[in-house]
């Protein structure tokens, strides 16, 4: 068996130089009797009679995988959150530092997730990692993660990106960065979510090509922001750069909750580096390509993000950024190119860029629903875990779309974007921390697992410490509350949902025996 082969319960044994589809591999029983419910109880004699489960095809190579990572990360965050972050921390210098810290923490988290993904190479992300690290109570943590991801994290992020897409399309149509009808933005957001669902559901290969094309648009836009910002700063002596640099840290906030709020926005902008972990079954040579695609995509994006924020401050003074709301990039291009180009042409491309983020996010979100249904965490698993004739999880995509539409429609007017980021970010960091802590647990409890990639201990420690900070500080009362929504609403809503999900876990897993009756239980596959 090759050095990089991986063997554990229903995970395939993968040669890093293969595409993961070796149908000539002999069946192997990976059961380890000491691991309890984590491993299948099906005997080797029973296994001979089990038919292979239907699978999604491995269509993603290194570059298409990297395109998904970059495409999922680069979304509305970099074009819309700089004003919210500056408003939270109070100064230009601290705002830039928060973006750099966000990049460093995200790279640490990505390194940990690459080890998890190459050690447990199966679609599902945290569902698989939490299941392996915390087998008791049976499937509790993966169940809580799946429900939080399906019903809060993914739809809130998709809704936020969809609304910003609507904002920029209306900006292009009207030439105004603000004063739009919020319901018009939300209506376009709904249309965006439906469009992405139809593309992924019925035109799978076309959707992948469109994702790659829109990813190219995003990268070109960020490169343009960087080039224009630095070029104007060098040519014009009266640019905003001198004002930003002369008082870089004036007005810096000293309250922890301000940095918690800012970091939620920054991490929202960087979120997406785990997207391939949810669709490893569709990645060719995952042991080889996951580290390259995930880390490469995140590093490219981090450099572009930091330079883009520097470019914003070189063209726009702090007050202009604060007053721009979620249309920072649009105001930037208007200042750089004038109204004709900056207010009519460029916003169309920014809207297309955020549309690409919705496409990538919908792709990953549907895979979590698909895998959760097959594991038995959701009812109607025969539908939600089904692959359509178009080689897509059409039912899972439809549910993801429906939840996204609900999140677009329900938040209160005026504060929808910020609220969606906060409520979706809280449970995300809870399970980030538990997953990386689980990585350390598995190093002690499952030393037999092959690890083609091993994360640095410092990277794991940084991720866990930041996760604790992000889970605790949102409950600290800020100096002054902004808006009509109390500061504790988003974290308390997220915690309440997680606790409520414990009851649902008891019903679905214990009472209804969902795991024993699931698709994966019916179609155990060892290759």
Protein backbone atom coordinates (compact mmCIF):
# COMPACT_ATOMS: atom_id res chain seq x y z
CA UNK A 1 0.00 0.00 0.00
CA UNK A 2 1.45 3.44 -0.88
CA UNK A 3 2.87 5.66 1.86
CA UNK A 4 0.02 8.16 1.62
CA UNK A 5 -2.79 5.64 1.65
CA UNK A 6 -5.44 6.24 4.29
CA UNK A 7 -7.58 3.57 5.87
CA UNK A 8 -10.41 3.98 8.36
CA UNK A 9 -14.03 2.97 8.65
CA UNK A 10 -15.92 3.84 5.45
CA UNK A 11 -13.21 6.17 4.16
CA UNK A 12 -11.54 5.04 0.99
CA UNK A 13 -7.89 4.08 0.90
CA UNK A 14 -6.50 6.83 -1.26
CA UNK A 15 -3.34 6.93 -3.29
CA UNK A 16 -2.32 10.60 -3.50
CA UNK A 17 -1.39 10.08 -7.13
CA UNK A 18 -4.75 8.57 -8.09
CA UNK A 19 -8.08 10.21 -8.76
CA UNK A 20 -9.75 8.34 -5.93
CA UNK A 21 -11.88 6.20 -8.25
CA UNK A 22 -9.98 2.94 -8.31
CA UNK A 23 -12.80 0.46 -8.77
CA UNK A 24 -10.34 -2.42 -8.96
CA UNK A 25 -9.29 -2.03 -5.34
CA UNK A 26 -10.18 -5.00 -3.22
CA UNK A 27 -12.71 -4.56 -0.41
CA UNK A 28 -11.21 -4.05 3.01
CA UNK A 29 -12.83 -4.08 6.38
CA UNK A 30 -11.47 -1.18 8.41
CA UNK A 31 -13.25 -2.02 11.62
CA UNK A 32 -11.34 -1.49 14.83
CA UNK A 33 -13.19 -3.08 17.72
CA UNK A 34 -11.90 -0.55 20.23
CA UNK A 35 -13.50 2.45 18.57
CA UNK A 36 -17.11 1.75 19.39
CA UNK A 37 -19.84 3.32 17.30
CA UNK A 38 -17.40 5.28 15.19
CA UNK A 39 -16.81 2.17 13.13
CA UNK A 40 -19.21 -0.05 11.25
CA UNK A 41 -20.41 -3.22 12.92
CA UNK A 42 -20.97 -4.91 9.57
CA UNK A 43 -19.03 -8.14 9.25
CA UNK A 44 -16.82 -8.95 6.27
CA UNK A 45 -19.26 -11.70 5.24
CA UNK A 46 -22.12 -9.20 5.21
CA UNK A 47 -20.01 -6.73 3.29
CA UNK A 48 -19.74 -9.02 0.31
CA UNK A 49 -23.43 -8.69 -0.38
CA UNK A 50 -23.65 -4.90 -0.06
CA UNK A 51 -23.98 -2.99 -3.29
CA UNK A 52 -21.87 0.14 -3.83
CA UNK A 53 -23.58 3.39 -2.90
CA UNK A 54 -24.18 5.96 -5.59
CA UNK A 55 -21.57 8.69 -5.55
CA UNK A 56 -20.92 12.14 -6.89
CA UNK A 57 -18.28 12.15 -9.62
CA UNK A 58 -14.75 13.42 -8.98
CA UNK A 59 -14.75 16.46 -11.24
CA UNK A 60 -12.52 18.83 -9.27
CA UNK A 61 -8.81 19.04 -10.00
CA UNK A 62 -6.16 21.26 -8.39
CA UNK A 63 -7.07 24.44 -10.26
CA UNK A 64 -10.84 24.02 -10.12
CA UNK A 65 -10.47 23.17 -6.41
CA UNK A 66 -8.40 26.28 -5.83
CA UNK A 67 -10.97 28.29 -7.79
CA UNK A 68 -13.69 27.05 -5.44
CA UNK A 69 -11.61 28.04 -2.39
CA UNK A 70 -10.82 31.50 -3.75
CA UNK A 71 -14.33 31.87 -5.09
CA UNK A 72 -15.88 30.93 -1.75
CA UNK A 73 -13.60 33.23 0.25
CA UNK A 74 -13.81 36.31 -1.97
CA UNK A 75 -17.35 37.50 -1.65
CA UNK A 76 -19.22 40.45 -0.26
CA UNK A 77 -16.85 40.73 2.72
CA UNK A 78 -13.96 42.56 1.08
CA UNK A 79 -16.31 44.81 -0.88
CA UNK A 80 -18.67 45.65 2.00
CA UNK A 81 -17.27 45.04 5.51
CA UNK A 82 -14.33 47.53 5.66
CA UNK A 83 -16.72 50.29 6.75
CA UNK A 84 -18.20 48.12 9.51
CA UNK A 85 -14.74 47.07 10.73
CA UNK A 86 -13.41 50.64 10.75
CA UNK A 87 -16.50 51.79 12.63
CA UNK A 88 -15.98 49.04 15.24
CA UNK A 89 -12.26 49.50 15.99
CA UNK A 90 -12.21 53.27 15.47
CA UNK A 91 -8.96 53.84 13.55
CA UNK A 92 -7.30 53.14 10.21
CA UNK A 93 -4.21 51.53 11.72
CA UNK A 94 -6.15 49.14 13.93
CA UNK A 95 -8.48 48.29 11.06
CA UNK A 96 -5.48 47.20 8.97
CA UNK A 97 -4.08 45.21 11.89
CA UNK A 98 -7.38 43.38 12.31
CA UNK A 99 -7.26 42.31 8.65
CA UNK A 100 -3.68 41.05 9.07
CA UNK A 101 -4.59 39.16 12.26
CA UNK A 102 -7.58 37.69 10.45
CA UNK A 103 -5.31 36.43 7.69
CA UNK A 104 -2.85 34.85 10.15
CA UNK A 105 -5.59 33.13 12.17
CA UNK A 106 -7.29 31.88 9.01
CA UNK A 107 -4.04 30.37 7.74
CA UNK A 108 -3.60 28.61 11.10
CA UNK A 109 -7.13 27.25 10.87
CA UNK A 110 -6.62 26.16 7.28
CA UNK A 111 -3.46 24.24 8.19
CA UNK A 112 -5.38 22.34 10.88
CA UNK A 113 -8.24 21.58 8.50
CA UNK A 114 -5.86 20.28 5.85
CA UNK A 115 -4.55 17.72 8.35
CA UNK A 116 -8.12 16.74 9.21
CA UNK A 117 -9.12 16.53 5.55
CA UNK A 118 -6.19 14.37 4.49
CA UNK A 119 -6.48 12.17 7.57
CA UNK A 120 -10.25 11.68 7.15
CA UNK A 121 -10.74 12.11 3.39
CA UNK A 122 -14.51 12.10 3.09
CA UNK A 123 -17.00 14.85 2.30
CA UNK A 124 -18.81 16.41 5.21
CA UNK A 125 -16.14 18.54 6.89
CA UNK A 126 -16.70 19.01 10.62
CA UNK A 127 -19.35 16.31 10.63
CA UNK A 128 -16.68 13.70 9.99
CA UNK A 129 -14.04 15.23 12.27
CA UNK A 130 -16.33 15.66 15.27
CA UNK A 131 -17.69 12.14 14.80
CA UNK A 132 -14.19 10.68 14.84
CA UNK A 133 -12.89 12.74 17.77
CA UNK A 134 -15.95 12.65 20.04
CA UNK A 135 -17.75 9.30 19.61
CA UNK A 136 -19.72 9.71 22.87
CA UNK A 137 -22.56 10.65 23.14
CA UNK A 138 -23.09 8.99 19.83
CA UNK A 139 -23.09 11.50 16.95
CA UNK A 140 -24.10 14.38 19.25
CA UNK A 141 -21.50 16.96 18.19
CA UNK A 142 -21.62 16.17 14.45
CA UNK A 143 -25.40 16.34 14.65
CA UNK A 144 -25.27 19.76 16.35
CA UNK A 145 -22.76 20.99 13.78
CA UNK A 146 -24.84 19.83 10.83
CA UNK A 147 -28.01 21.46 12.09
CA UNK A 148 -26.17 24.70 12.95
CA UNK A 149 -24.46 24.76 9.56
CA UNK A 150 -27.61 23.88 7.63
CA UNK A 151 -30.04 26.15 9.45
CA UNK A 152 -27.86 29.10 10.59
CA UNK A 153 -24.28 29.39 9.31
CA UNK A 154 -24.65 28.63 5.61
CA UNK A 155 -28.00 30.31 4.89
CA UNK A 156 -27.04 33.45 6.83
CA UNK A 157 -23.79 33.82 4.87
CA UNK A 158 -25.51 33.08 1.56
CA UNK A 159 -28.26 35.56 2.41
CA UNK A 160 -25.73 38.28 3.28
CA UNK A 161 -23.86 37.77 0.00
CA UNK A 162 -27.11 37.65 -1.99
CA UNK A 163 -28.30 40.95 -0.48
CA UNK A 164 -24.98 42.64 -1.28
CA UNK A 165 -25.22 41.34 -4.85
CA UNK A 166 -28.58 43.08 -5.07
CA UNK A 167 -27.07 46.24 -3.58
CA UNK A 168 -24.40 46.51 -6.26
CA UNK A 169 -26.74 45.71 -9.14
CA UNK A 170 -29.09 48.47 -7.95
CA UNK A 171 -26.06 50.76 -7.50
CA UNK A 172 -25.18 50.16 -11.16
CA UNK A 173 -28.77 50.86 -12.24
CA UNK A 174 -29.30 54.03 -10.19
CA UNK A 175 -25.79 55.42 -9.78
CA UNK A 176 -26.37 55.86 -6.03
CA UNK A 177 -24.43 54.02 -3.30
CA UNK A 178 -27.16 54.44 -0.70
CA UNK A 179 -30.83 55.30 -0.32
CA UNK A 180 -32.05 52.19 -2.12
CA UNK A 181 -35.14 50.23 -1.23
CA UNK A 182 -33.93 47.42 1.01
CA UNK A 183 -36.72 45.17 -0.23
CA UNK A 184 -35.54 45.71 -3.80
CA UNK A 185 -32.10 44.51 -2.72
CA UNK A 186 -33.64 41.50 -1.02
CA UNK A 187 -35.76 40.67 -4.08
CA UNK A 188 -32.66 40.58 -6.26
CA UNK A 189 -30.98 38.52 -3.55
CA UNK A 190 -33.75 35.92 -3.78
CA UNK A 191 -33.34 35.81 -7.57
CA UNK A 192 -29.58 35.29 -7.12
CA UNK A 193 -30.13 32.36 -4.73
CA UNK A 194 -32.62 30.72 -7.10
CA UNK A 195 -30.31 31.19 -10.09
CA UNK A 196 -27.38 29.55 -8.29
CA UNK A 197 -29.59 26.64 -7.23
CA UNK A 198 -30.77 26.04 -10.80
CA UNK A 199 -27.22 26.18 -12.15
CA UNK A 200 -25.85 23.70 -9.61
CA UNK A 201 -28.92 21.51 -9.88
CA UNK A 202 -29.30 21.16 -13.64
CA UNK A 203 -26.05 22.36 -15.24
CA UNK A 204 -23.31 20.92 -13.03
CA UNK A 205 -20.36 21.24 -15.40
CA UNK A 206 -21.54 24.64 -16.58
CA UNK A 207 -21.83 25.80 -12.97
CA UNK A 208 -18.24 24.76 -12.26
CA UNK A 209 -17.04 26.66 -15.34
CA UNK A 210 -19.10 29.71 -14.37
CA UNK A 211 -17.66 29.57 -10.84
CA UNK A 212 -14.15 29.58 -12.26
CA UNK A 213 -14.97 32.51 -14.56
CA UNK A 214 -16.53 34.54 -11.75
CA UNK A 215 -13.55 33.74 -9.54
CA UNK A 216 -11.35 35.29 -12.22
CA UNK A 217 -13.58 38.39 -12.15
CA UNK A 218 -13.09 38.65 -8.37
CA UNK A 219 -9.33 38.37 -8.58
CA UNK A 220 -9.15 40.93 -11.39
CA UNK A 221 -11.32 43.35 -9.38
CA UNK A 222 -9.10 43.07 -6.32
CA UNK A 223 -5.97 43.49 -8.43
CA UNK A 224 -7.57 46.57 -9.98
CA UNK A 225 -8.36 48.00 -6.54
CA UNK A 226 -4.76 47.46 -5.43
CA UNK A 227 -3.24 48.90 -8.61
CA UNK A 228 -5.52 51.94 -8.75
CA UNK A 229 -5.16 52.72 -5.05
CA UNK A 230 -1.38 52.59 -4.97
CA UNK A 231 -1.02 54.35 -8.35
CA UNK A 232 -3.20 57.30 -7.32
CA UNK A 233 -1.45 57.54 -3.94
CA UNK A 234 1.90 57.84 -5.73
CA UNK A 235 0.68 60.39 -8.29
CA UNK A 236 -1.55 62.60 -6.13
CA UNK A 237 0.07 64.29 -3.18
CA UNK A 238 -3.34 65.23 -1.79
CA UNK A 239 -4.62 61.64 -1.66
CA UNK A 240 -6.30 60.28 1.46
CA UNK A 241 -3.19 58.21 2.20
CA UNK A 242 -1.43 61.09 3.96
CA UNK A 243 -4.44 61.72 6.23
CA UNK A 244 -4.81 58.02 7.03
CA UNK A 245 -1.12 57.57 7.84
CA UNK A 246 -0.67 60.77 9.86
CA UNK A 247 -3.25 59.72 12.45
CA UNK A 248 -3.32 55.98 11.86
CA UNK A 249 -4.30 54.95 15.39
CA UNK A 250 -6.27 58.00 16.50
CA UNK A 251 -9.60 57.01 18.01
CA UNK A 252 -8.72 53.33 18.49
CA UNK A 253 -11.27 51.50 20.61
CA UNK A 254 -10.13 49.80 23.83
CA UNK A 255 -13.23 47.67 24.43
CA UNK A 256 -12.98 43.89 23.79
CA UNK A 257 -16.47 43.68 22.26
CA UNK A 258 -15.41 46.11 19.53
CA UNK A 259 -12.70 43.69 18.43
CA UNK A 260 -15.03 40.74 18.68
CA UNK A 261 -17.46 42.51 16.36
CA UNK A 262 -14.67 43.50 13.96
CA UNK A 263 -13.17 40.01 13.93
CA UNK A 264 -16.54 38.45 13.14
CA UNK A 265 -16.66 40.65 10.03
CA UNK A 266 -13.05 39.89 9.09
CA UNK A 267 -13.46 36.15 9.57
CA UNK A 268 -16.67 36.32 7.56
CA UNK A 269 -14.60 37.83 4.74
CA UNK A 270 -11.98 35.06 5.09
CA UNK A 271 -14.47 32.22 5.56
CA UNK A 272 -14.47 29.62 2.82
CA UNK A 273 -11.03 28.08 3.18
CA UNK A 274 -12.72 24.91 4.47
CA UNK A 275 -15.02 24.63 1.43
CA UNK A 276 -13.14 21.71 -0.15
CA UNK A 277 -13.39 19.73 3.10
CA UNK A 278 -17.12 19.49 2.47
CA UNK A 279 -16.69 18.03 -1.03
CA UNK A 280 -13.56 15.87 -0.82
CA UNK A 281 -15.44 13.01 -2.51
CA UNK A 282 -15.54 15.20 -5.63
CA UNK A 283 -11.84 16.19 -5.52
CA UNK A 284 -9.36 14.24 -7.62
CA UNK A 285 -6.31 13.00 -5.68
CA UNK A 286 -7.52 14.70 -2.47
CA UNK A 287 -4.49 13.82 -0.35
CA UNK A 288 -2.28 15.66 -2.80
CA UNK A 289 -4.61 18.42 -4.01
CA UNK A 290 -6.35 19.49 -0.78
CA UNK A 291 -3.26 21.10 0.84
CA UNK A 292 -2.27 22.85 -2.38
CA UNK A 293 -5.73 24.10 -3.27
CA UNK A 294 -6.81 25.18 0.23
CA UNK A 295 -3.59 26.82 1.42
CA UNK A 296 -2.75 28.25 -2.00
CA UNK A 297 -6.20 29.74 -2.43
CA UNK A 298 -6.24 31.24 1.07
CA UNK A 299 -2.75 32.74 0.78
CA UNK A 300 -3.54 34.42 -2.54
CA UNK A 301 -6.76 35.82 -1.10
CA UNK A 302 -5.13 37.05 2.13
CA UNK A 303 -2.50 39.04 0.22
CA UNK A 304 -5.18 40.58 -2.00
CA UNK A 305 -7.35 41.45 1.02
CA UNK A 306 -4.64 43.28 2.96
CA UNK A 307 -3.47 45.20 -0.10
CA UNK A 308 -7.06 46.05 -1.08
CA UNK A 309 -7.77 47.54 2.35
CA UNK A 310 -4.60 49.60 2.11
CA UNK A 311 -5.79 50.82 -1.30
CA UNK A 312 -9.18 51.83 0.13
CA UNK A 313 -7.48 54.07 2.69
CA UNK A 314 -5.24 55.58 0.02
CA UNK A 315 -8.23 56.87 -1.95
CA UNK A 316 -10.97 57.37 0.65
CA UNK A 317 -10.72 59.23 3.94
CA UNK A 318 -12.04 57.40 7.04
CA UNK A 319 -15.33 59.32 7.12
CA UNK A 320 -16.07 58.47 3.49
CA UNK A 321 -15.51 54.79 4.23
CA UNK A 322 -17.73 54.90 7.32
CA UNK A 323 -20.57 56.58 5.42
CA UNK A 324 -20.34 54.22 2.43
CA UNK A 325 -22.16 51.41 4.25
CA UNK A 326 -21.92 48.14 2.34
CA UNK A 327 -20.86 49.83 -0.93
CA UNK A 328 -17.24 50.66 -0.05
CA UNK A 329 -15.81 49.29 -3.29
CA UNK A 330 -18.39 51.18 -5.34
CA UNK A 331 -17.53 54.49 -3.66
CA UNK A 332 -13.83 53.70 -4.16
CA UNK A 333 -14.20 53.25 -7.92
CA UNK A 334 -16.44 56.33 -8.19
CA UNK A 335 -13.71 58.41 -6.56
CA UNK A 336 -11.03 56.86 -8.78
CA UNK A 337 -12.76 56.81 -12.18
CA UNK A 338 -15.62 59.28 -11.88
CA UNK A 339 -19.36 58.68 -12.00
CA UNK A 340 -19.69 57.18 -15.48
CA UNK A 341 -17.38 54.23 -14.84
CA UNK A 342 -17.33 54.09 -11.06
CA UNK A 343 -21.09 54.25 -10.54
CA UNK A 344 -22.40 52.40 -13.57
CA UNK A 345 -19.87 49.92 -14.95
CA UNK A 346 -17.72 48.70 -12.07
CA UNK A 347 -20.65 47.90 -9.71
CA UNK A 348 -21.90 45.39 -12.27
CA UNK A 349 -18.63 43.46 -12.01
CA UNK A 350 -18.66 43.70 -8.21
CA UNK A 351 -22.19 42.29 -8.28
CA UNK A 352 -20.98 39.44 -10.49
CA UNK A 353 -18.11 38.82 -8.07
CA UNK A 354 -20.46 38.47 -5.10
CA UNK A 355 -22.76 36.33 -7.26
CA UNK A 356 -19.81 33.98 -7.73
CA UNK A 357 -19.45 33.77 -3.96
CA UNK A 358 -23.09 32.74 -3.62
CA UNK A 359 -22.52 30.04 -6.25
CA UNK A 360 -19.53 28.62 -4.38
CA UNK A 361 -21.30 28.86 -1.03
CA UNK A 362 -24.41 27.13 -2.36
CA UNK A 363 -22.19 24.33 -3.68
CA UNK A 364 -20.63 23.71 -0.25
CA UNK A 365 -23.86 24.17 1.74
CA UNK A 366 -25.73 21.61 -0.34
CA UNK A 367 -22.97 19.05 0.25
CA UNK A 368 -23.35 19.40 4.02
CA UNK A 369 -27.10 18.77 3.73
CA UNK A 370 -26.45 15.85 1.36
CA UNK A 371 -23.93 14.19 3.69
CA UNK A 372 -25.99 14.88 6.83
CA UNK A 373 -29.04 13.27 5.25
CA UNK A 374 -27.07 10.18 4.21
CA UNK A 375 -25.70 9.89 7.73
CA UNK A 376 -29.22 9.87 9.15
CA UNK A 377 -29.14 13.27 10.85
CA UNK A 378 -32.09 14.58 8.86
CA UNK A 379 -35.51 13.19 8.06
CA UNK A 380 -36.39 12.49 4.41
CA UNK A 381 -32.88 11.13 3.87
CA UNK A 382 -34.07 9.17 0.83
CA UNK A 383 -34.69 12.51 -0.87
CA UNK A 384 -32.10 14.85 0.65
CA UNK A 385 -29.35 12.23 0.17
CA UNK A 386 -30.33 11.43 -3.40
CA UNK A 387 -28.30 12.23 -6.50
CA UNK A 388 -30.48 13.42 -9.37
CA UNK A 389 -30.25 12.40 -13.01
CA UNK A 390 -28.22 15.58 -13.51
CA UNK A 391 -25.51 14.24 -11.16
CA UNK A 392 -26.31 16.80 -8.46
CA UNK A 393 -27.88 16.68 -4.97
CA UNK A 394 -30.95 18.52 -6.24
CA UNK A 395 -33.09 18.07 -3.12
CA UNK A 396 -30.27 19.28 -0.87
CA UNK A 397 -29.74 22.29 -3.12
CA UNK A 398 -33.44 23.11 -2.94
CA UNK A 399 -33.43 23.06 0.86
CA UNK A 400 -30.33 25.28 0.94
CA UNK A 401 -32.05 27.73 -1.40
CA UNK A 402 -35.24 27.79 0.67
CA UNK A 403 -33.35 28.50 3.90
CA UNK A 404 -31.33 31.24 2.20
CA UNK A 405 -34.53 32.92 1.01
CA UNK A 406 -35.93 32.81 4.56
CA UNK A 407 -32.79 34.49 5.93
CA UNK A 408 -32.97 37.14 3.22
CA UNK A 409 -36.56 37.97 4.11
CA UNK A 410 -36.65 37.80 7.91
CA UNK A 411 -33.98 40.13 9.48
CA UNK A 412 -35.18 43.62 10.48
CA UNK A 413 -34.68 46.38 7.90
CA UNK A 414 -31.56 48.52 8.11
CA UNK A 415 -29.32 46.08 9.99
CA UNK A 416 -29.81 42.86 8.05
CA UNK A 417 -26.25 42.51 6.71
CA UNK A 418 -24.44 42.97 10.02
CA UNK A 419 -26.92 40.79 11.90
CA UNK A 420 -26.57 37.95 9.36
CA UNK A 421 -22.78 37.99 9.73
CA UNK A 422 -22.94 37.92 13.53
CA UNK A 423 -25.55 35.18 13.93
CA UNK A 424 -23.84 32.94 11.37
CA UNK A 425 -20.34 33.48 12.72
CA UNK A 426 -20.96 32.46 16.32
CA UNK A 427 -21.74 28.73 15.90
CA UNK A 428 -19.12 28.56 13.17
CA UNK A 429 -16.37 29.42 15.64
CA UNK A 430 -17.78 27.10 18.27
CA UNK A 431 -17.34 24.13 15.93
CA UNK A 432 -14.05 25.40 14.50
CA UNK A 433 -12.63 25.27 18.01
CA UNK A 434 -14.10 21.84 18.76
CA UNK A 435 -12.84 20.42 15.45
CA UNK A 436 -9.26 21.59 15.96
CA UNK A 437 -9.33 20.42 19.58
CA UNK A 438 -10.60 17.11 18.19
CA UNK A 439 -7.54 17.00 15.95
CA UNK A 440 -5.37 16.98 19.08
CA UNK A 441 -7.60 14.30 20.61
CA UNK A 442 -7.20 12.09 17.53
CA UNK A 443 -3.41 12.40 17.71
CA UNK A 444 -3.60 10.58 21.05
CA UNK A 445 -6.55 8.23 20.52
CA UNK A 446 -5.99 7.29 16.87
CA UNK A 447 -2.25 7.13 16.39
CA UNK A 448 -2.83 4.42 13.78
CA UNK A 449 -4.33 6.89 11.29
CA UNK A 450 -1.95 7.94 8.55
CA UNK A 451 -1.34 11.68 8.38
CA UNK A 452 0.11 12.78 5.02
CA UNK A 453 -0.01 16.37 6.29
CA UNK A 454 0.57 17.42 9.89
CA UNK A 455 -0.40 20.84 11.26
CA UNK A 456 1.96 22.80 13.48
CA UNK A 457 1.01 22.80 17.16
CA UNK A 458 1.17 26.60 17.23
CA UNK A 459 -1.41 26.76 14.43
CA UNK A 460 -3.76 24.50 16.38
CA UNK A 461 -3.27 26.51 19.58
CA UNK A 462 -3.94 29.85 17.86
CA UNK A 463 -7.15 28.55 16.30
CA UNK A 464 -8.46 27.18 19.61
CA UNK A 465 -7.61 30.36 21.58
CA UNK A 466 -9.28 32.58 18.98
CA UNK A 467 -12.32 30.30 18.92
CA UNK A 468 -12.71 30.67 22.70
CA UNK A 469 -12.37 34.45 22.40
CA UNK A 470 -14.99 34.58 19.64
CA UNK A 471 -17.43 32.51 21.70
CA UNK A 472 -17.06 34.43 24.98
CA UNK A 473 -16.58 38.11 24.12
CA UNK A 474 -19.84 38.63 22.15
CA UNK A 475 -21.64 38.41 25.51
CA UNK A 476 -19.60 41.31 26.94
CA UNK A 477 -21.60 44.55 26.84
CA UNK A 478 -20.05 47.13 24.50
CA UNK A 479 -19.42 50.78 25.45
CA UNK A 480 -22.24 51.89 23.17
CA UNK A 481 -24.71 49.77 21.25
CA UNK A 482 -25.15 50.52 17.57
CA UNK A 483 -28.56 49.98 16.04
CA UNK A 484 -31.81 48.71 17.47
CA UNK A 485 -30.80 45.05 17.90
CA UNK A 486 -29.35 44.28 21.39
CA UNK A 487 -25.71 43.15 21.32
CA UNK A 488 -26.57 39.75 22.82
CA UNK A 489 -29.27 38.85 20.28
CA UNK A 490 -27.06 37.11 17.70
CA UNK A 491 -24.91 34.98 20.08
CA UNK A 492 -27.84 34.12 22.33
CA UNK A 493 -29.95 33.08 19.33
CA UNK A 494 -27.12 30.85 18.10
CA UNK A 495 -26.57 29.25 21.52
CA UNK A 496 -30.31 28.70 21.95
CA UNK A 497 -30.49 26.94 18.60
CA UNK A 498 -27.56 24.66 19.48
CA UNK A 499 -29.18 23.73 22.80
CA UNK A 500 -32.53 23.13 21.12
CA UNK A 501 -30.76 20.87 18.63
CA UNK A 502 -29.81 18.56 21.52
CA UNK A 503 -33.51 17.72 21.85
CA UNK A 504 -33.73 17.09 18.11
CA UNK A 505 -30.65 14.85 18.37
CA UNK A 506 -32.39 12.73 21.01
CA UNK A 507 -35.48 12.39 18.81
CA UNK A 508 -33.67 11.64 15.54
CA UNK A 509 -30.72 9.55 16.77
CA UNK A 510 -31.96 7.88 19.95
CA UNK A 511 -35.72 7.57 19.47
CA UNK A 512 -36.03 7.24 15.69
CA UNK A 513 -32.67 5.40 15.33
CA UNK A 514 -31.83 7.57 12.34
CA UNK A 515 -28.21 6.38 12.08
CA UNK A 516 -29.13 2.70 11.87
CA UNK A 517 -31.74 3.40 9.18
CA UNK A 518 -29.67 5.88 7.20
CA UNK A 519 -28.39 5.64 3.64
CA UNK A 520 -24.82 5.09 4.83
CA UNK A 521 -25.94 2.25 7.09
CA UNK A 522 -27.73 0.63 4.16
CA UNK A 523 -24.80 1.08 1.80
CA UNK A 524 -21.60 0.51 3.76
CA UNK A 525 -18.75 0.67 1.27
CA UNK A 526 -15.10 -0.28 1.72
CA UNK A 527 -12.70 0.05 -1.14
